[in-house]
Amino acid sequence: MKGEFVLTPDAADDLVAIWQYLADNDCGAAADRVIERLYTEFRKLGEMPGMGHYRDDLLDRRHRFWNVWSYVIAYRWEKKPTQIIAIVHGARDLDAFYAHRRSKLP
């Protein structure tokens, strides 16, 4: 179906951490808006898998990356439904973040 996606357990944890950080440092309403926008983008990725770009330095070509504001979404675009594997702030050390995440990917 169009717009379908699934979150891996790690990606779901990423969303909780993002919401908690924003709620603690800004406000709950801002946190809600960010999460709502991310879900909008997840649906777009489900409708048009293949959007975004590769980052061969971070993950292999089964994965694409899509930026939303300051956040980077990593997803498996050839999976049906589209599989969201990570959401991380772009200011983080992406090499270290994905080095840890790679060890958990199938």
Foldseek 3Di string as FASTA:
>chain_A
DQLDEEEDPAAVVQLVVQQVVCCVVPNNVVSVVVSVVVSVVSSVCQRPPPPAADDVLQDDPQWHWDDDVQKIWIWRRVDVRIYTYHIDGNVDPRNVVSVVSVVVDD
